[in-house]
Amino acid sequence: MRVYVQLALADGERERVRSLAGGGPVWFAEPGALTDDDARAFADAEVAVGNCPPEWVRSSERLRWLQLASVGVDAYLPLDWGTLGRRLTVTNLRGVFADPVAETCLAGVLAHLRGIDTLVRCRTTHTWDKLRLRPRLRLLTGTVVLVLGTGTISQRLCALLEPFGCTVERYGRTSGEIRTTQELEARLPSADVVVALLPDTPGTRGLLDARRLGLLKPGALFVNAGRGSVVDEEALVAALDSGRLGGAVLDVTQQEPLPDGHPLWDCPNTILTQHTAGGSDQEAARVLDIFTDNWRRYVGGEPLGGVVDWSLGY
């Protein structure tokens, strides 16, 4: 069985994959520096791990299982899964990033409410601004937090928020306290913090348009660690620039990397975490843990974990 690995791995981690393959042929490719040899190795593989080029996936005839190195599957949605899905199973890292993403969301909210982001800037300019800043600091304790999404990250974030005594409501079309967009619109005006953790699907794109952003109370904080497509960025920039929104913590944007000169770079009270929320010093090990478990399932003929449902888009 030929295995293709497109991950940035240390030597010890590569040995772990070779051991798993039991001496079978394993090809390692460097993400971001793919070659023609890598393409040929992928074409010969039965199993691949990593976010491989969608055009390779489309044309591969031997591939039977692709383990993605992400939760999101946006790049692969345009492929013809009515045909590909008959011979190829795709699994993602559902649940792997729950801890780091939830912690990043919490850190961003606290940094904003407690003025940490502003104080960091004060240090770089040698500005002592205590008298102005202190009365403007806010508490997370007792606030209303609206979480868009009900998956593993949402569940972990809710657990982290519990000690703060927040009133937390979740929006999801199949689970959560809020199920419809009409109910969502009714809840937006009462939210102090809105956290978007939604995938990129036809049903989520543009969910937070200018009208719905306008329903938020003055000073509300917006956090997005799902997908940039969920929010109208032009309307978001306008709300931040006008001061109507209290601030934003954005791990994702519609264009990544964010282009030089994009207005989000200069929006006030905005923290850009550059799609790092899922990262940690344990990331590679966690990816390999998932791959190892699914490998054993695959060779044993058992159902794989984290199988992507293309009808849902995640």
Protein backbone atom coordinates (compact mmCIF):
# COMPACT_ATOMS: atom_id res chain seq x y z
CA MET A 1 0.00 0.00 0.00
CA ARG A 2 1.55 3.30 -1.09
CA VAL A 3 1.21 6.24 1.29
CA TYR A 4 1.67 9.91 0.42
CA VAL A 5 2.32 12.35 3.29
CA GLN A 6 2.11 16.12 2.78
CA LEU A 7 2.89 17.41 6.26
CA ALA A 8 5.77 19.35 7.82
CA LEU A 9 7.15 16.63 10.09
CA ALA A 10 10.26 16.25 12.21
CA ASP A 11 12.46 13.18 11.70
CA GLY A 12 10.89 11.36 14.64
CA GLU A 13 7.41 12.01 13.32
CA ARG A 14 8.40 10.67 9.89
CA GLU A 15 9.69 7.51 11.55
CA ARG A 16 6.34 7.17 13.29
CA VAL A 17 4.59 7.18 9.90
CA ARG A 18 7.07 4.69 8.41
CA SER A 19 6.54 2.37 11.36
CA LEU A 20 2.79 2.64 10.93
CA ALA A 21 3.11 1.69 7.26
CA GLY A 22 4.97 -1.46 8.27
CA GLY A 23 7.79 -1.01 5.78
CA GLY A 24 5.52 -0.18 2.86
CA PRO A 25 6.43 2.69 0.51
CA VAL A 26 5.90 6.14 2.04
CA TRP A 27 6.51 9.40 0.17
CA PHE A 28 7.03 12.63 2.12
CA ALA A 29 6.30 15.97 0.43
CA GLU A 30 6.93 19.43 1.84
CA PRO A 31 3.78 21.60 1.96
CA GLY A 32 4.29 24.80 0.02
CA ALA A 33 7.10 23.38 -2.11
CA LEU A 34 5.43 20.65 -4.16
CA THR A 35 7.24 19.17 -7.14
CA ASP A 36 6.42 17.07 -10.20
CA ASP A 37 7.85 14.07 -8.34
CA ASP A 38 5.38 14.73 -5.53
CA ALA A 39 2.52 14.77 -8.04
CA ARG A 40 3.60 11.42 -9.46
CA ALA A 41 3.90 9.92 -5.97
CA PHE A 42 0.42 11.16 -5.11
CA ALA A 43 -1.01 9.64 -8.28
CA ASP A 44 0.35 6.23 -7.22
CA ALA A 45 -0.88 6.42 -3.61
CA GLU A 46 -3.80 4.54 -2.11
CA VAL A 47 -3.68 6.61 1.07
CA ALA A 48 -2.74 10.28 1.45
CA VAL A 49 -2.52 12.58 4.45
CA GLY A 50 -2.40 16.36 4.22
CA ASN A 51 -4.23 19.11 2.38
CA CYS A 52 -3.25 17.92 -1.08
CA PRO A 53 -4.02 20.00 -4.19
CA PRO A 54 -7.70 19.57 -5.17
CA GLU A 55 -6.76 19.07 -8.84
CA TRP A 56 -4.61 16.10 -7.82
CA VAL A 57 -7.51 14.64 -5.87
CA ARG A 58 -9.83 15.12 -8.84
CA SER A 59 -7.55 13.26 -11.24
CA SER A 60 -6.25 10.50 -8.97
CA GLU A 61 -7.66 7.07 -9.81
CA ARG A 62 -5.87 5.02 -7.15
CA LEU A 63 -6.56 7.11 -4.06
CA ARG A 64 -9.03 5.49 -1.68
CA TRP A 65 -8.61 7.50 1.51
CA LEU A 66 -7.52 11.10 2.06
CA GLN A 67 -6.88 12.25 5.63
CA LEU A 68 -6.97 16.03 5.64
CA ALA A 69 -4.78 18.06 7.99
CA SER A 70 -7.63 20.46 8.74
CA VAL A 71 -11.24 20.61 9.79
CA GLY A 72 -12.29 22.85 6.90
CA VAL A 73 -12.84 21.31 3.47
CA ASP A 74 -13.53 24.52 1.54
CA ALA A 75 -10.98 23.90 -1.22
CA TYR A 76 -12.52 20.51 -2.04
CA LEU A 77 -16.19 21.48 -2.12
CA PRO A 78 -16.23 22.27 -5.88
CA LEU A 79 -15.14 18.72 -6.78
CA ASP A 80 -17.71 16.24 -8.12
CA TRP A 81 -18.32 14.18 -5.00
CA GLY A 82 -21.22 12.37 -6.62
CA THR A 83 -18.54 10.59 -8.65
CA LEU A 84 -15.45 10.84 -6.44
CA GLY A 85 -17.35 9.78 -3.35
CA ARG A 86 -17.99 6.32 -4.81
CA ARG A 87 -14.31 5.39 -4.52
CA LEU A 88 -12.73 7.95 -2.18
CA THR A 89 -13.32 8.57 1.52
CA VAL A 90 -12.17 11.89 2.96
CA THR A 91 -11.67 12.40 6.69
CA ASN A 92 -10.91 15.63 8.51
CA LEU A 93 -9.55 16.57 11.92
CA ARG A 94 -12.90 17.15 13.57
CA GLY A 95 -12.36 17.80 17.26
CA VAL A 96 -8.56 18.13 17.11
CA PHE A 97 -8.55 21.92 17.27
CA ALA A 98 -11.27 22.36 19.90
CA ASP A 99 -8.88 23.25 22.73
CA PRO A 100 -6.55 25.69 20.93
CA VAL A 101 -9.28 27.49 18.99
CA ALA A 102 -11.53 27.84 22.04
CA GLU A 103 -8.60 29.13 24.09
CA THR A 104 -7.72 31.65 21.37
CA CYS A 105 -11.30 32.91 21.30
CA LEU A 106 -11.32 33.33 25.07
CA ALA A 107 -7.89 34.99 25.03
CA GLY A 108 -9.02 37.43 22.34
CA VAL A 109 -12.19 38.35 24.20
CA LEU A 110 -10.31 38.91 27.46
CA ALA A 111 -7.54 40.85 25.71
CA HIS A 112 -10.13 43.21 24.26
CA LEU A 113 -12.37 43.62 27.30
CA ARG A 114 -9.42 44.06 29.69
CA GLY A 115 -7.53 46.38 27.34
CA ILE A 116 -4.50 44.13 26.89
CA ASP A 117 -4.27 44.83 23.16
CA THR A 118 -4.32 48.58 23.80
CA LEU A 119 -1.74 48.32 26.57
CA VAL A 120 0.63 46.39 24.30
CA ARG A 121 0.47 49.27 21.84
CA CYS A 122 1.06 51.73 24.68
CA ARG A 123 4.26 49.92 25.54
CA THR A 124 5.61 50.16 22.01
CA THR A 125 4.98 53.94 22.02
CA HIS A 126 6.09 54.43 25.66
CA THR A 127 2.66 55.90 26.50
CA TRP A 128 1.34 55.85 30.08
CA ASP A 129 -2.45 56.04 29.62
CA LYS A 130 -3.81 54.70 32.90
CA LEU A 131 -6.30 57.48 33.67
CA ARG A 132 -7.97 57.22 30.26
CA LEU A 133 -7.96 53.44 29.97
CA ARG A 134 -8.94 52.24 33.43
CA PRO A 135 -12.58 53.46 33.38
CA ARG A 136 -13.09 51.93 29.92
CA LEU A 137 -12.13 48.37 30.85
CA ARG A 138 -14.96 45.86 30.84
CA LEU A 139 -15.72 42.52 32.49
CA LEU A 140 -16.46 39.21 30.81
CA THR A 141 -18.22 38.07 33.97
CA GLY A 142 -21.99 38.17 33.59
CA THR A 143 -22.03 39.05 29.90
CA VAL A 144 -24.26 37.58 27.19
CA VAL A 145 -22.27 35.51 24.69
CA LEU A 146 -23.85 34.31 21.45
CA VAL A 147 -21.94 31.45 19.81
CA LEU A 148 -22.64 30.68 16.16
CA GLY A 149 -21.97 26.96 15.77
CA THR A 150 -22.53 23.90 17.94
CA GLY A 151 -19.54 21.68 17.14
CA THR A 152 -16.62 20.60 19.30
CA ILE A 153 -14.98 24.05 19.38
CA SER A 154 -18.27 25.61 20.46
CA GLN A 155 -18.69 23.00 23.18
CA ARG A 156 -15.18 23.60 24.50
CA LEU A 157 -15.61 27.38 24.45
CA CYS A 158 -18.85 27.09 26.41
CA ALA A 159 -17.02 25.05 29.04
CA LEU A 160 -14.30 27.70 29.29
CA LEU A 161 -16.90 30.45 29.66
CA GLU A 162 -18.81 28.67 32.42
CA PRO A 163 -16.67 29.95 35.35
CA PHE A 164 -17.28 33.53 34.20
CA GLY A 165 -21.02 33.23 34.76
CA CYS A 166 -21.83 34.22 31.19
CA THR A 167 -25.24 33.68 29.66
CA VAL A 168 -24.35 31.58 26.61
CA GLU A 169 -26.65 30.73 23.72
CA ARG A 170 -25.68 28.77 20.62
CA TYR A 171 -26.98 29.00 17.08
CA GLY A 172 -27.08 25.90 14.87
CA ARG A 173 -29.52 24.64 12.31
CA THR A 174 -29.72 21.14 13.82
CA SER A 175 -28.87 21.78 17.48
CA GLY A 176 -28.50 24.65 19.91
CA GLU A 177 -30.90 26.98 21.64
CA ILE A 178 -31.32 29.03 18.45
CA ARG A 179 -32.27 27.17 15.26
CA THR A 180 -33.54 29.73 12.75
CA THR A 181 -32.23 33.01 11.36
CA GLN A 182 -35.37 34.71 12.67
CA GLU A 183 -34.51 33.57 16.20
CA LEU A 184 -30.90 34.63 15.64
CA GLU A 185 -31.99 38.14 14.66
CA ALA A 186 -34.09 38.35 17.82
CA ARG A 187 -31.06 37.45 19.99
CA LEU A 188 -28.38 39.60 18.33
CA PRO A 189 -29.41 42.88 20.04
CA SER A 190 -28.85 41.41 23.52
CA ALA A 191 -25.39 39.92 22.85
CA ASP A 192 -22.30 41.52 24.37
CA VAL A 193 -20.04 39.11 22.47
CA VAL A 194 -20.74 37.19 19.25
CA VAL A 195 -18.39 34.31 18.41
CA ALA A 196 -18.64 32.80 14.91
CA LEU A 197 -17.40 29.20 14.63
CA LEU A 198 -19.19 28.23 11.43
CA PRO A 199 -17.89 26.31 8.40
CA ASP A 200 -18.04 27.70 4.88
CA THR A 201 -21.29 26.39 3.39
CA PRO A 202 -24.02 27.92 1.21
CA GLY A 203 -26.11 28.32 4.35
CA THR A 204 -23.47 30.24 6.31
CA ARG A 205 -22.00 32.55 3.65
CA GLY A 206 -22.96 36.14 4.36
CA LEU A 207 -24.97 35.14 7.42
CA LEU A 208 -23.79 38.26 9.22
CA ASP A 209 -24.60 40.84 6.57
CA ALA A 210 -24.80 44.59 7.07
CA ARG A 211 -28.37 44.40 8.35
CA ARG A 212 -27.65 41.74 10.97
CA LEU A 213 -24.42 43.43 12.06
CA GLY A 214 -26.55 46.53 12.54
CA LEU A 215 -28.70 44.63 15.04
CA LEU A 216 -25.78 44.28 17.46
CA LYS A 217 -25.76 46.61 20.43
CA PRO A 218 -23.26 49.49 20.40
CA GLY A 219 -19.94 48.33 21.81
CA ALA A 220 -20.51 44.63 21.11
CA LEU A 221 -17.46 42.49 20.36
CA PHE A 222 -17.29 40.21 17.30
CA VAL A 223 -15.03 37.14 17.16
CA ASN A 224 -14.58 34.97 14.07
CA ALA A 225 -12.63 31.74 14.26
CA GLY A 226 -14.73 29.81 11.75
CA ARG A 227 -14.59 31.04 8.17
CA GLY A 228 -14.25 34.55 6.76
CA SER A 229 -17.18 34.03 4.42
CA VAL A 230 -19.70 34.19 7.27
CA VAL A 231 -19.47 37.99 7.56
CA ASP A 232 -19.81 40.90 5.15
CA GLU A 233 -16.30 42.33 5.58
CA GLU A 234 -17.15 45.71 4.07
CA ALA A 235 -19.97 46.12 6.58
CA LEU A 236 -17.72 44.87 9.39
CA VAL A 237 -15.03 47.42 8.52
CA ALA A 238 -17.64 50.19 8.48
CA ALA A 239 -19.00 49.15 11.89
CA LEU A 240 -15.50 49.07 13.38
CA ASP A 241 -14.38 52.35 11.82
CA SER A 242 -17.51 54.14 13.03
CA GLY A 243 -17.02 52.85 16.57
CA ARG A 244 -20.44 51.21 16.62
CA LEU A 245 -18.81 47.82 17.18
CA GLY A 246 -16.58 47.76 20.22
CA GLY A 247 -13.99 45.59 18.52
CA ALA A 248 -13.22 42.39 16.67
CA VAL A 249 -10.99 39.36 17.07
CA LEU A 250 -10.50 37.81 13.64
CA ASP A 251 -8.66 34.55 13.11
CA VAL A 252 -10.06 34.17 9.60
CA THR A 253 -10.68 36.55 6.71
CA GLN A 254 -12.09 36.16 3.22
CA GLN A 255 -8.62 36.59 1.71
CA GLU A 256 -5.67 34.82 3.31
CA PRO A 257 -3.01 36.04 3.61
CA LEU A 258 -4.74 39.36 4.17
CA PRO A 259 -3.48 41.66 1.39
CA ASP A 260 -1.31 44.64 2.22
CA GLY A 261 -3.56 47.68 2.23
CA HIS A 262 -6.71 45.77 3.23
CA PRO A 263 -8.79 48.02 5.53
CA LEU A 264 -8.93 45.38 8.28
CA TRP A 265 -5.23 46.01 8.98
CA ASP A 266 -6.11 49.51 10.20
CA CYS A 267 -9.49 49.00 11.84
CA PRO A 268 -9.60 50.23 15.45
CA ASN A 269 -9.82 47.76 18.33
CA THR A 270 -9.19 44.82 16.01
CA ILE A 271 -6.99 41.82 16.77
CA LEU A 272 -5.91 39.76 13.75
CA THR A 273 -4.63 36.32 14.75
CA GLN A 274 -3.82 35.24 11.17
CA HIS A 275 -5.48 31.80 11.19
CA THR A 276 -3.21 30.58 14.00
CA ALA A 277 -5.99 29.73 16.46
CA GLY A 278 -5.68 25.99 15.88
CA GLY A 279 -1.94 25.97 16.41
CA SER A 280 0.04 24.59 19.32
CA ASP A 281 3.29 22.80 19.99
CA GLN A 282 1.22 19.60 20.00
CA GLU A 283 -0.38 20.13 16.59
CA ALA A 284 1.71 17.68 14.53
CA ALA A 285 1.41 15.00 17.21
CA ARG A 286 -2.36 15.43 17.34
CA VAL A 287 -2.65 15.14 13.56
CA LEU A 288 -0.61 11.93 13.64
CA ASP A 289 -2.74 10.58 16.49
CA ILE A 290 -5.84 10.96 14.33
CA PHE A 291 -4.09 9.47 11.31
CA THR A 292 -2.82 6.54 13.39
CA ASP A 293 -6.27 5.73 14.73
CA ASN A 294 -7.84 5.97 11.29
CA TRP A 295 -5.01 3.93 9.72
CA ARG A 296 -5.76 1.05 12.08
CA ARG A 297 -9.43 1.35 11.22
CA TYR A 298 -8.66 1.46 7.50
CA VAL A 299 -6.44 -1.64 7.43
CA GLY A 300 -8.90 -3.41 9.72
CA GLY A 301 -11.89 -2.64 7.51
CA GLU A 302 -13.59 -0.55 10.20
CA PRO A 303 -15.49 2.74 9.72
CA LEU A 304 -13.17 5.75 9.74
CA GLY A 305 -13.53 8.65 12.15
CA GLY A 306 -14.25 12.19 10.99
CA VAL A 307 -15.67 11.26 7.59
CA VAL A 308 -16.68 14.36 5.63
CA ASP A 309 -20.36 14.55 4.66
CA TRP A 310 -20.29 16.35 1.32
CA SER A 311 -24.02 16.98 1.41
CA LEU A 312 -23.44 19.16 4.48
CA GLY A 313 -20.09 20.57 3.41
CA TYR A 314 -18.18 19.50 6.53
